[in-house]
Amino acid sequence: MSTLEHAKNIDLDTPIPKSPQQLSARIAARQDRIAGNVDELVGRIHPKAIATRLANKSRDTFFTEDGDLRPERLAAVGVAMVAVVGVVLRVATHGSRKAHKLEVKEAKRSGR
């Protein structure tokens, strides 16, 4: 049972138990709920569980429920990769062109 479900089950209008046995039983029940919540949280943050969720999400992004590829998603990734490569090449060549222009300018000044 999730934490939210436990929170919905708590009745704040329940009177405080009068006998020590009832109070002990109520405390034990709350301890069990808290222990269950902690176990659930530990399971959620375990690295293997996180990796499994991410792998499932990635698989669902690129494959249908039948296991077929989703070409529109692959095409989008391909376009994004081409764009990134284009930007990197543009930045790299722009820097080398600028350096080349400075070299030519310096050569003209020195009379080479």
C-alpha atoms as a PDB file:
ATOM      1  CA  MET A   1       0.000   0.000   0.000  1.00  0.00           C
ATOM      2  CA  SER A   2       1.409   3.423  -0.941  1.00  0.00           C
ATOM      3  CA  THR A   3       2.068   6.296   1.436  1.00  0.00           C
ATOM      4  CA  LEU A   4      -0.844   8.248  -0.011  1.00  0.00           C
ATOM      5  CA  GLU A   5      -3.210   5.327   0.586  1.00  0.00           C
ATOM      6  CA  HIS A   6      -2.015   5.104   4.195  1.00  0.00           C
ATOM      7  CA  ALA A   7      -2.570   8.836   4.658  1.00  0.00           C
ATOM      8  CA  LYS A   8      -6.144   8.485   3.385  1.00  0.00           C
ATOM      9  CA  ASN A   9      -6.799   5.649   5.855  1.00  0.00           C
ATOM     10  CA  ILE A  10      -5.800   7.666   8.920  1.00  0.00           C
ATOM     11  CA  ASP A  11      -8.875   8.852  10.773  1.00  0.00           C
ATOM     12  CA  LEU A  12      -8.028  11.927  12.852  1.00  0.00           C
ATOM     13  CA  ASP A  13     -11.382  11.767  14.609  1.00  0.00           C
ATOM     14  CA  THR A  14     -10.600   8.357  16.116  1.00  0.00           C
ATOM     15  CA  PRO A  15     -10.566   8.689  19.880  1.00  0.00           C
ATOM     16  CA  ILE A  16      -7.341   7.967  21.729  1.00  0.00           C
ATOM     17  CA  PRO A  17      -7.410   4.424  23.098  1.00  0.00           C
ATOM     18  CA  LYS A  18      -8.181   4.247  26.793  1.00  0.00           C
ATOM     19  CA  SER A  19      -6.459   0.999  27.693  1.00  0.00           C
ATOM     20  CA  PRO A  20      -2.716   0.408  27.499  1.00  0.00           C
ATOM     21  CA  GLN A  21      -3.346  -2.672  25.309  1.00  0.00           C
ATOM     22  CA  GLN A  22      -5.338  -0.626  22.780  1.00  0.00           C
ATOM     23  CA  LEU A  23      -2.681   2.083  22.778  1.00  0.00           C
ATOM     24  CA  SER A  24       0.074  -0.517  22.255  1.00  0.00           C
ATOM     25  CA  ALA A  25      -1.876  -2.082  19.395  1.00  0.00           C
ATOM     26  CA  ARG A  26      -2.368   1.332  17.777  1.00  0.00           C
ATOM     27  CA  ILE A  27       1.331   2.172  18.143  1.00  0.00           C
ATOM     28  CA  ALA A  28       2.326  -1.202  16.684  1.00  0.00           C
ATOM     29  CA  ALA A  29       0.001  -0.671  13.700  1.00  0.00           C
ATOM     30  CA  ARG A  30       1.534   2.758  13.038  1.00  0.00           C
ATOM     31  CA  GLN A  31       5.042   1.346  13.325  1.00  0.00           C
ATOM     32  CA  ASP A  32       4.137  -1.317  10.759  1.00  0.00           C
ATOM     33  CA  ARG A  33       2.780   1.345   8.390  1.00  0.00           C
ATOM     34  CA  ILE A  34       5.905   3.473   8.822  1.00  0.00           C
ATOM     35  CA  ALA A  35       8.168   0.450   8.251  1.00  0.00           C
ATOM     36  CA  GLY A  36       6.217  -0.366   5.087  1.00  0.00           C
ATOM     37  CA  ASN A  37       6.598   3.219   3.858  1.00  0.00           C
ATOM     38  CA  VAL A  38      10.345   3.177   4.519  1.00  0.00           C
ATOM     39  CA  ASP A  39      10.721  -0.150   2.694  1.00  0.00           C
ATOM     40  CA  GLU A  40       8.768   1.242  -0.267  1.00  0.00           C
ATOM     41  CA  LEU A  41      10.955   4.379  -0.413  1.00  0.00           C
ATOM     42  CA  VAL A  42      14.172   2.366  -0.155  1.00  0.00           C
ATOM     43  CA  GLY A  43      12.955   0.209  -3.041  1.00  0.00           C
ATOM     44  CA  ARG A  44      12.225   3.282  -5.142  1.00  0.00           C
ATOM     45  CA  ILE A  45      15.643   4.874  -4.643  1.00  0.00           C
ATOM     46  CA  HIS A  46      17.707   1.720  -5.047  1.00  0.00           C
ATOM     47  CA  PRO A  47      20.087   2.212  -8.016  1.00  0.00           C
ATOM     48  CA  LYS A  48      18.925  -0.986  -9.703  1.00  0.00           C
ATOM     49  CA  ALA A  49      15.280   0.135  -9.493  1.00  0.00           C
ATOM     50  CA  ILE A  50      16.170   3.549 -10.903  1.00  0.00           C
ATOM     51  CA  ALA A  51      18.146   1.967 -13.756  1.00  0.00           C
ATOM     52  CA  THR A  52      15.261  -0.374 -14.540  1.00  0.00           C
ATOM     53  CA  ARG A  53      12.774   2.521 -14.643  1.00  0.00           C
ATOM     54  CA  LEU A  54      15.045   4.532 -16.945  1.00  0.00           C
ATOM     55  CA  ALA A  55      15.617   1.549 -19.242  1.00  0.00           C
ATOM     56  CA  ASN A  56      11.878   0.896 -19.454  1.00  0.00           C
ATOM     57  CA  LYS A  57      11.198   4.554 -20.188  1.00  0.00           C
ATOM     58  CA  SER A  58      13.847   4.593 -22.931  1.00  0.00           C
ATOM     59  CA  ARG A  59      12.516   1.376 -24.426  1.00  0.00           C
ATOM     60  CA  ASP A  60       8.960   2.741 -24.384  1.00  0.00           C
ATOM     61  CA  THR A  61      10.176   5.902 -26.116  1.00  0.00           C
ATOM     62  CA  PHE A  62      11.632   4.089 -29.124  1.00  0.00           C
ATOM     63  CA  PHE A  63       9.541   0.899 -29.300  1.00  0.00           C
ATOM     64  CA  THR A  64       5.815   0.212 -29.439  1.00  0.00           C
ATOM     65  CA  GLU A  65       4.128  -2.275 -27.117  1.00  0.00           C
ATOM     66  CA  ASP A  66       4.478  -4.860 -29.908  1.00  0.00           C
ATOM     67  CA  GLY A  67       8.239  -4.339 -30.032  1.00  0.00           C
ATOM     68  CA  ASP A  68       8.249  -2.431 -33.325  1.00  0.00           C
ATOM     69  CA  LEU A  69      10.507   0.588 -33.757  1.00  0.00           C
ATOM     70  CA  ARG A  70       8.941   4.045 -33.746  1.00  0.00           C
ATOM     71  CA  PRO A  71      10.519   5.601 -36.850  1.00  0.00           C
ATOM     72  CA  GLU A  72       9.279   9.114 -36.041  1.00  0.00           C
ATOM     73  CA  ARG A  73      11.179   9.071 -32.745  1.00  0.00           C
ATOM     74  CA  LEU A  74      14.342   7.726 -34.368  1.00  0.00           C
ATOM     75  CA  ALA A  75      14.090  10.402 -37.062  1.00  0.00           C
ATOM     76  CA  ALA A  76      13.765  13.114 -34.416  1.00  0.00           C
ATOM     77  CA  VAL A  77      16.893  11.863 -32.657  1.00  0.00           C
ATOM     78  CA  GLY A  78      18.741  11.702 -35.979  1.00  0.00           C
ATOM     79  CA  VAL A  79      17.792  15.284 -36.836  1.00  0.00           C
ATOM     80  CA  ALA A  80      18.886  16.455 -33.392  1.00  0.00           C
ATOM     81  CA  MET A  81      22.244  14.695 -33.774  1.00  0.00           C
ATOM     82  CA  VAL A  82      22.817  16.253 -37.201  1.00  0.00           C
ATOM     83  CA  ALA A  83      21.982  19.681 -35.761  1.00  0.00           C
ATOM     84  CA  VAL A  84      24.438  19.246 -32.883  1.00  0.00           C
ATOM     85  CA  VAL A  85      27.205  18.088 -35.227  1.00  0.00           C
ATOM     86  CA  GLY A  86      26.470  21.054 -37.501  1.00  0.00           C
ATOM     87  CA  VAL A  87      26.727  23.518 -34.635  1.00  0.00           C
ATOM     88  CA  VAL A  88      29.971  21.962 -33.395  1.00  0.00           C
ATOM     89  CA  LEU A  89      31.498  22.063 -36.881  1.00  0.00           C
ATOM     90  CA  ARG A  90      30.349  25.651 -37.395  1.00  0.00           C
ATOM     91  CA  VAL A  91      31.913  26.765 -34.124  1.00  0.00           C
ATOM     92  CA  ALA A  92      35.121  24.869 -34.835  1.00  0.00           C
ATOM     93  CA  THR A  93      35.527  26.201 -38.380  1.00  0.00           C
ATOM     94  CA  HIS A  94      34.522  29.738 -37.387  1.00  0.00           C
ATOM     95  CA  GLY A  95      37.326  29.821 -34.844  1.00  0.00           C
ATOM     96  CA  SER A  96      39.909  28.541 -37.328  1.00  0.00           C
ATOM     97  CA  ARG A  97      38.705  31.011 -40.021  1.00  0.00           C
ATOM     98  CA  LYS A  98      39.062  33.858 -37.582  1.00  0.00           C
ATOM     99  CA  ALA A  99      42.585  32.727 -36.709  1.00  0.00           C
ATOM    100  CA  HIS A 100      43.414  32.445 -40.424  1.00  0.00           C
ATOM    101  CA  LYS A 101      42.130  35.993 -41.090  1.00  0.00           C
ATOM    102  CA  LEU A 102      44.300  37.312 -38.245  1.00  0.00           C
ATOM    103  CA  GLU A 103      47.341  35.517 -39.690  1.00  0.00           C
ATOM    104  CA  VAL A 104      46.700  37.012 -43.130  1.00  0.00           C
ATOM    105  CA  LYS A 105      46.244  40.467 -41.613  1.00  0.00           C
ATOM    106  CA  GLU A 106      49.488  40.124 -39.658  1.00  0.00           C
ATOM    107  CA  ALA A 107      51.316  38.919 -42.767  1.00  0.00           C
ATOM    108  CA  LYS A 108      50.114  41.966 -44.728  1.00  0.00           C
ATOM    109  CA  ARG A 109      51.267  44.303 -41.955  1.00  0.00           C
ATOM    110  CA  SER A 110      54.705  42.750 -41.757  1.00  0.00           C
ATOM    111  CA  GLY A 111      55.037  42.851 -45.549  1.00  0.00           C
ATOM    112  CA  ARG A 112      55.380  39.156 -46.224  1.00  0.00           C
END
